[in-house]
Amino acid sequence: MGVQRRDFLLLATLAAAAASVTAAFGQAVTPAVGPTGSGAQSAASMPDYSGTWSHPYWPGFEPPASGPGPVTNRLRLRGGPQRGVSDPRQFVGDYTNPILKPQAAEFVKKHGEMELSGVGSPTPTNQCWPEPVPYILRSIAMRMLQQPDKIIILYPGDQVRRVRMNEPHAAPATPSLYGDSVGRYEGDMLVVDTVGIRTDRPFAMVDMYGTPYTQALHVVERYRLLDYEDAKEGLERNAKENFRLPPGTIPPVADSDPNYRGKHLQLQFTVEDEGVFTTPWSATITYGRPPMSDGRGLGRVEYVCAENRRYSGRKPAMPTADKPDF
């Protein structure tokens, strides 16, 4: 799948849309202070989530087993082996989802209309902008680095999140692109609490359907390791909703082994934003391991996000002139 080119008119439209989002949804809210653990957990007792985890599905969020879920694609594939899943070529969000307040539903509707028009709609991904939480959670791969006092999560596109362990949020939290994330362990579960995600930025959205957010956005992530049998239900929900990217379109480090039967990492996250949503909603991401045993990680994958973005190991489609310019 290629990245659609955007023209100047589209960028001007987006700038106006971003301004209207700020005006409509930009009320200031003091971030909540996240709960902290009873103390720093020793490295020996931490559950081991380290290494590279892959989720080669598009656009990524898995609806929950029950309860309110995320905006999903109104367009579905009508044929082929993945019939019925989200159409990976166009993202037309379901603006009738009852989690959306009227103004938010209107933004999702307009975003879908741009997709259907053939112009294409902008996202942080195709515009090469840092991806906010929870948008970034739909990434096809991530690598987690664990230390007792902090956790670093790496995503494609040289994106880095830093989670401070066993500390409260700053009061008030200084808004930033990825927000202020604090974490704690609850037994064998990692809980990450994020507030303070910047709204004064282009392409401020929580998903690929243009769903906006405000300064009240609050995301809680819960990570846990599951045996294959326990992970199957999430994997099956995912396969019914999202398009599985063919191995030839992504680097091996972002692929997953369909025959892998070891531990899976499941992320269950909850999203709250009283300025946009009528109720909190949740989704999951069920990660497997890439089919690699040589220790390579996301750092070994070159990712160029510009006019000609590509992955290493492939010949880029560089533009060439039919004759010299001079």
Protein backbone atom coordinates (compact mmCIF):
# COMPACT_ATOMS: atom_id res chain seq x y z
CA MET A 1 0.00 0.00 0.00
CA GLY A 2 1.47 3.33 -1.00
CA VAL A 3 1.21 6.61 0.81
CA GLN A 4 -1.18 8.98 -0.89
CA ARG A 5 0.26 12.34 -1.94
CA ARG A 6 -1.41 15.44 -0.57
CA ASP A 7 -1.69 18.73 -2.42
CA PHE A 8 -1.57 22.28 -1.16
CA LEU A 9 -5.34 22.63 -1.12
CA LEU A 10 -5.64 19.63 1.17
CA LEU A 11 -3.02 21.02 3.56
CA ALA A 12 -4.84 24.34 3.70
CA THR A 13 -8.07 22.50 4.46
CA LEU A 14 -6.35 20.57 7.22
CA ALA A 15 -4.94 23.69 8.79
CA ALA A 16 -8.43 25.15 8.94
CA ALA A 17 -9.78 21.90 10.36
CA ALA A 18 -7.08 21.82 13.04
CA ALA A 19 -7.96 25.36 14.05
CA SER A 20 -11.64 24.49 14.30
CA VAL A 21 -10.84 21.42 16.40
CA THR A 22 -8.90 23.60 18.84
CA ALA A 23 -11.75 26.09 18.99
CA ALA A 24 -14.43 23.44 19.42
CA PHE A 25 -12.64 21.09 21.77
CA GLY A 26 -9.78 23.07 23.32
CA GLN A 27 -11.07 23.62 26.86
CA ALA A 28 -8.43 23.37 29.56
CA VAL A 29 -8.75 20.57 32.09
CA THR A 30 -6.37 19.89 34.95
CA PRO A 31 -4.94 16.39 34.40
CA ALA A 32 -5.79 13.77 36.97
CA VAL A 33 -2.98 12.47 39.13
CA GLY A 34 -2.46 8.79 38.40
CA PRO A 35 -2.20 6.32 41.29
CA THR A 36 1.24 5.07 42.18
CA GLY A 37 2.41 1.69 43.35
CA SER A 38 3.49 0.86 46.87
CA GLY A 39 7.13 1.16 45.77
CA ALA A 40 9.56 0.42 43.01
CA GLN A 41 9.45 -3.19 41.88
CA SER A 42 12.79 -4.96 41.71
CA ALA A 43 14.11 -6.04 38.33
CA ALA A 44 14.02 -9.68 39.44
CA SER A 45 10.27 -9.56 40.18
CA MET A 46 9.16 -7.58 37.11
CA PRO A 47 7.16 -9.47 34.49
CA ASP A 48 9.30 -9.66 31.36
CA TYR A 49 7.68 -7.80 28.46
CA SER A 50 11.01 -6.92 26.88
CA GLY A 51 11.83 -7.33 23.22
CA THR A 52 10.00 -6.80 19.96
CA TRP A 53 6.30 -7.52 19.59
CA SER A 54 4.40 -7.43 16.30
CA HIS A 55 0.82 -6.77 15.30
CA PRO A 56 0.80 -6.65 11.47
CA TYR A 57 -2.82 -5.55 11.10
CA TRP A 58 -4.36 -2.41 9.67
CA PRO A 59 -5.68 -0.12 11.03
CA GLY A 60 -5.12 -1.99 14.30
CA PHE A 61 -7.53 -1.51 17.20
CA GLU A 62 -9.39 -4.67 18.20
CA PRO A 63 -12.93 -4.01 19.46
CA PRO A 64 -13.40 -5.25 23.03
CA ALA A 65 -15.09 -8.53 23.89
CA SER A 66 -17.94 -6.47 25.40
CA GLY A 67 -18.87 -2.89 26.15
CA PRO A 68 -18.32 0.36 24.25
CA GLY A 69 -15.58 0.13 21.65
CA PRO A 70 -13.68 2.37 19.23
CA VAL A 71 -14.81 3.92 15.98
CA THR A 72 -14.49 1.32 13.22
CA ASN A 73 -14.46 1.38 9.42
CA ARG A 74 -17.79 1.55 7.59
CA LEU A 75 -16.08 0.14 4.48
CA ARG A 76 -15.42 -3.62 4.37
CA LEU A 77 -13.71 -5.89 1.88
CA ARG A 78 -16.31 -7.64 -0.26
CA GLY A 79 -14.18 -10.49 -1.51
CA GLY A 80 -10.95 -12.38 -1.13
CA PRO A 81 -9.58 -14.39 1.79
CA GLN A 82 -10.14 -11.49 4.21
CA ARG A 83 -13.69 -10.74 3.17
CA GLY A 84 -15.59 -8.68 5.72
CA VAL A 85 -12.62 -6.99 7.42
CA SER A 86 -11.83 -3.28 7.37
CA ASP A 87 -10.99 -2.04 3.87
CA PRO A 88 -7.29 -1.04 4.10
CA ARG A 89 -7.58 1.39 1.19
CA GLN A 90 -10.11 3.81 2.68
CA PHE A 91 -10.89 4.74 6.27
CA VAL A 92 -14.47 5.92 6.61
CA GLY A 93 -15.24 5.99 10.31
CA ASP A 94 -18.62 5.00 11.70
CA TYR A 95 -19.82 8.41 12.86
CA THR A 96 -23.00 6.78 14.26
CA ASN A 97 -21.01 5.07 17.02
CA PRO A 98 -22.81 6.08 20.24
CA ILE A 99 -19.52 6.88 22.00
CA LEU A 100 -19.27 10.08 19.91
CA LYS A 101 -20.75 13.39 20.95
CA PRO A 102 -22.38 15.31 18.05
CA GLN A 103 -19.44 17.60 17.25
CA ALA A 104 -17.00 14.68 17.31
CA ALA A 105 -19.30 12.65 15.06
CA GLU A 106 -19.30 15.53 12.58
CA PHE A 107 -15.49 15.55 12.45
CA VAL A 108 -15.44 11.79 11.80
CA LYS A 109 -18.06 12.18 9.09
CA LYS A 110 -16.10 14.91 7.30
CA HIS A 111 -12.91 12.88 7.53
CA GLY A 112 -14.71 9.97 5.84
CA GLU A 113 -16.10 12.23 3.14
CA MET A 114 -12.55 13.27 2.24
CA GLU A 115 -11.63 9.58 1.91
CA LEU A 116 -14.62 8.87 -0.32
CA SER A 117 -13.90 11.93 -2.48
CA GLY A 118 -10.64 10.40 -3.66
CA VAL A 119 -8.56 13.22 -2.19
CA GLY A 120 -7.68 11.15 0.84
CA SER A 121 -7.76 12.16 4.48
CA PRO A 122 -4.72 13.15 6.54
CA THR A 123 -3.42 11.24 9.53
CA PRO A 124 -0.24 11.56 11.58
CA THR A 125 0.99 8.43 9.79
CA ASN A 126 0.69 9.59 6.21
CA GLN A 127 1.73 13.16 7.10
CA CYS A 128 4.85 12.06 9.01
CA TRP A 129 3.87 13.60 12.33
CA PRO A 130 4.39 12.13 15.80
CA GLU A 131 1.44 9.94 16.71
CA PRO A 132 -0.39 10.72 19.97
CA VAL A 133 -1.70 8.19 22.45
CA PRO A 134 -3.87 6.17 21.80
CA TYR A 135 -3.36 6.58 18.03
CA ILE A 136 0.20 5.23 18.24
CA LEU A 137 -0.98 2.00 19.85
CA ARG A 138 -2.19 0.76 16.44
CA SER A 139 1.44 0.49 15.25
CA ILE A 140 2.33 -2.77 13.52
CA ALA A 141 5.26 -3.37 15.87
CA MET A 142 6.80 -2.05 19.05
CA ARG A 143 9.78 -2.79 21.25
CA MET A 144 9.67 -2.48 25.02
CA LEU A 145 12.73 -1.78 27.16
CA GLN A 146 12.20 -2.28 30.90
CA GLN A 147 14.06 -0.85 33.87
CA PRO A 148 12.87 -0.62 37.49
CA ASP A 149 12.43 3.16 37.32
CA LYS A 150 11.34 3.61 33.71
CA ILE A 151 10.06 1.90 30.59
CA ILE A 152 10.87 2.97 27.04
CA ILE A 153 8.63 1.91 24.17
CA LEU A 154 9.93 2.20 20.60
CA TYR A 155 7.61 2.38 17.59
CA PRO A 156 8.23 2.55 13.82
CA GLY A 157 9.21 5.95 12.52
CA ASP A 158 11.77 6.59 15.28
CA GLN A 159 9.02 7.33 17.77
CA VAL A 160 9.81 6.93 21.46
CA ARG A 161 7.58 6.94 24.53
CA ARG A 162 9.00 7.19 28.05
CA VAL A 163 7.08 5.92 31.05
CA ARG A 164 8.14 6.95 34.56
CA MET A 165 7.55 4.17 37.06
CA ASN A 166 5.98 4.57 40.49
CA GLU A 167 5.61 8.34 40.24
CA PRO A 168 2.53 10.59 40.14
CA HIS A 169 1.68 12.85 37.24
CA ALA A 170 3.03 16.34 37.36
CA ALA A 171 0.34 18.73 38.62
CA PRO A 172 -0.43 20.18 36.20
CA ALA A 173 1.19 18.07 33.49
CA THR A 174 2.95 20.05 30.76
CA PRO A 175 1.24 19.07 27.48
CA SER A 176 3.50 17.10 25.13
CA LEU A 177 3.18 15.11 21.92
CA TYR A 178 3.00 11.74 23.68
CA GLY A 179 1.64 13.02 26.98
CA ASP A 180 2.83 12.43 30.54
CA SER A 181 2.94 8.67 31.12
CA VAL A 182 3.43 7.07 34.54
CA GLY A 183 3.40 3.35 35.22
CA ARG A 184 3.14 0.76 37.94
CA TYR A 185 2.92 -3.01 38.23
CA GLU A 186 -0.16 -4.68 39.61
CA GLY A 187 1.11 -8.21 40.12
CA ASP A 188 2.03 -9.47 36.66
CA MET A 189 0.28 -6.60 34.87
CA LEU A 190 1.86 -3.34 33.73
CA VAL A 191 -0.47 -0.34 34.02
CA VAL A 192 0.43 2.89 32.17
CA ASP A 193 -1.59 6.06 32.83
CA THR A 194 -1.29 8.94 30.33
CA VAL A 195 -2.61 12.52 30.45
CA GLY A 196 -1.41 15.87 29.12
CA ILE A 197 -1.46 15.05 25.39
CA ARG A 198 -1.05 18.16 23.25
CA THR A 199 -4.06 19.38 21.33
CA ASP A 200 -2.36 22.38 19.65
CA ARG A 201 -0.76 20.33 16.91
CA PRO A 202 -1.68 19.23 13.38
CA PHE A 203 -3.58 15.98 12.95
CA ALA A 204 -4.72 15.72 16.57
CA MET A 205 -6.76 12.51 16.48
CA VAL A 206 -7.10 9.29 18.47
CA ASP A 207 -7.52 7.00 15.46
CA MET A 208 -7.22 6.85 11.68
CA TYR A 209 -10.80 8.06 11.27
CA GLY A 210 -10.15 11.60 12.46
CA THR A 211 -11.78 11.25 15.87
CA PRO A 212 -10.63 14.38 17.77
CA TYR A 213 -9.63 14.75 21.40
CA THR A 214 -9.34 17.51 23.99
CA GLN A 215 -7.03 18.29 26.89
CA ALA A 216 -9.27 16.04 28.99
CA LEU A 217 -8.00 12.95 27.14
CA HIS A 218 -7.00 10.22 29.60
CA VAL A 219 -5.69 6.82 28.47
CA VAL A 220 -4.97 3.82 30.69
CA GLU A 221 -3.03 0.90 29.19
CA ARG A 222 -2.87 -2.56 30.78
CA TYR A 223 -0.29 -5.03 29.48
CA ARG A 224 -0.17 -8.72 30.40
CA LEU A 225 1.42 -11.89 29.07
CA LEU A 226 -0.94 -14.63 27.92
CA ASP A 227 -0.52 -18.23 26.88
CA TYR A 228 -1.62 -18.90 23.31
CA GLU A 229 -4.88 -20.53 24.36
CA ASP A 230 -5.79 -17.47 26.43
CA ALA A 231 -4.77 -15.11 23.63
CA LYS A 232 -6.82 -16.88 20.93
CA GLU A 233 -10.02 -14.98 21.66
CA GLY A 234 -8.29 -11.63 21.13
CA LEU A 235 -6.50 -12.90 18.02
CA GLU A 236 -9.82 -14.05 16.56
CA ARG A 237 -11.51 -10.71 17.31
CA ASN A 238 -8.61 -8.98 15.60
CA ALA A 239 -8.80 -11.17 12.48
CA LYS A 240 -12.50 -10.33 12.09
CA GLU A 241 -11.92 -6.58 12.26
CA ASN A 242 -8.50 -5.71 10.81
CA PHE A 243 -6.71 -6.37 7.53
CA ARG A 244 -3.61 -8.52 7.88
CA LEU A 245 -0.75 -6.91 6.00
CA PRO A 246 0.94 -9.33 3.55
CA PRO A 247 4.52 -10.21 4.58
CA GLY A 248 5.89 -8.65 1.40
CA THR A 249 4.61 -5.19 2.35
CA ILE A 250 6.30 -4.91 5.75
CA PRO A 251 9.78 -5.67 7.11
CA PRO A 252 10.26 -9.04 8.86
CA VAL A 253 10.58 -7.36 12.25
CA ALA A 254 6.98 -6.13 11.94
CA ASP A 255 5.57 -9.45 10.80
CA SER A 256 4.25 -12.16 13.10
CA ASP A 257 4.65 -15.90 12.87
CA PRO A 258 1.22 -17.49 12.24
CA ASN A 259 2.52 -20.70 13.78
CA TYR A 260 3.81 -19.02 16.93
CA ARG A 261 2.36 -20.67 20.03
CA GLY A 262 4.45 -19.05 22.74
CA LYS A 263 3.56 -16.17 25.04
CA HIS A 264 1.56 -13.31 23.60
CA LEU A 265 1.41 -9.78 24.94
CA GLN A 266 -2.08 -8.32 25.18
CA LEU A 267 -2.71 -4.61 25.64
CA GLN A 268 -6.13 -3.58 26.88
CA PHE A 269 -6.61 0.18 26.96
CA THR A 270 -9.38 2.50 28.08
CA VAL A 271 -9.99 5.98 26.69
CA GLU A 272 -11.84 8.81 28.42
CA ASP A 273 -12.48 12.35 27.17
CA GLU A 274 -15.60 14.10 28.38
CA GLY A 275 -15.24 16.73 25.66
CA VAL A 276 -15.55 14.17 22.85
CA PHE A 277 -17.01 10.90 24.13
CA THR A 278 -20.29 10.11 25.80
CA THR A 279 -18.69 7.27 27.76
CA PRO A 280 -15.29 5.68 28.30
CA TRP A 281 -14.49 3.03 25.69
CA SER A 282 -11.88 0.32 25.36
CA ALA A 283 -10.00 -1.73 22.79
CA THR A 284 -7.24 -4.34 22.73
CA ILE A 285 -4.06 -5.09 20.82
CA THR A 286 -2.85 -8.71 20.92
CA TYR A 287 0.83 -8.92 19.97
CA GLY A 288 2.80 -11.94 18.80
CA ARG A 289 6.50 -12.37 18.20
CA PRO A 290 8.10 -11.68 14.81
CA PRO A 291 9.50 -14.81 13.08
CA MET A 292 13.11 -13.88 13.87
CA SER A 293 15.64 -15.39 16.23
CA ASP A 294 18.72 -13.23 15.70
CA GLY A 295 17.77 -10.49 18.12
CA ARG A 296 17.01 -7.82 15.55
CA GLY A 297 14.66 -5.11 16.73
CA LEU A 298 12.99 -1.96 15.49
CA GLY A 299 16.30 -0.13 15.65
CA ARG A 300 17.55 -2.25 12.75
CA VAL A 301 14.75 -1.12 10.46
CA GLU A 302 15.41 2.07 8.54
CA TYR A 303 12.26 4.13 8.25
CA VAL A 304 12.24 7.21 6.06
CA CYS A 305 9.22 9.45 6.43
CA ALA A 306 9.37 12.07 3.71
CA GLU A 307 8.27 12.40 0.10
CA ASN A 308 9.70 8.97 -0.55
CA ARG A 309 9.34 6.94 2.62
CA ARG A 310 10.52 3.36 2.57
CA TYR A 311 11.94 0.52 4.63
CA SER A 312 15.55 -0.58 4.31
CA GLY A 313 16.26 -3.50 2.05
CA ARG A 314 14.01 -2.24 -0.71
CA LYS A 315 14.78 -0.19 -3.73
CA PRO A 316 13.02 3.15 -3.33
CA ALA A 317 10.91 4.49 -6.17
CA MET A 318 13.06 7.60 -6.58
CA PRO A 319 11.67 10.18 -9.01
CA THR A 320 13.86 10.55 -12.10
CA ALA A 321 13.82 13.12 -14.86
CA ASP A 322 13.44 12.17 -18.51
CA LYS A 323 16.19 14.69 -19.36
CA PRO A 324 18.71 16.83 -17.44
CA ASP A 325 17.36 20.06 -15.91
CA PHE A 326 20.33 22.01 -17.30
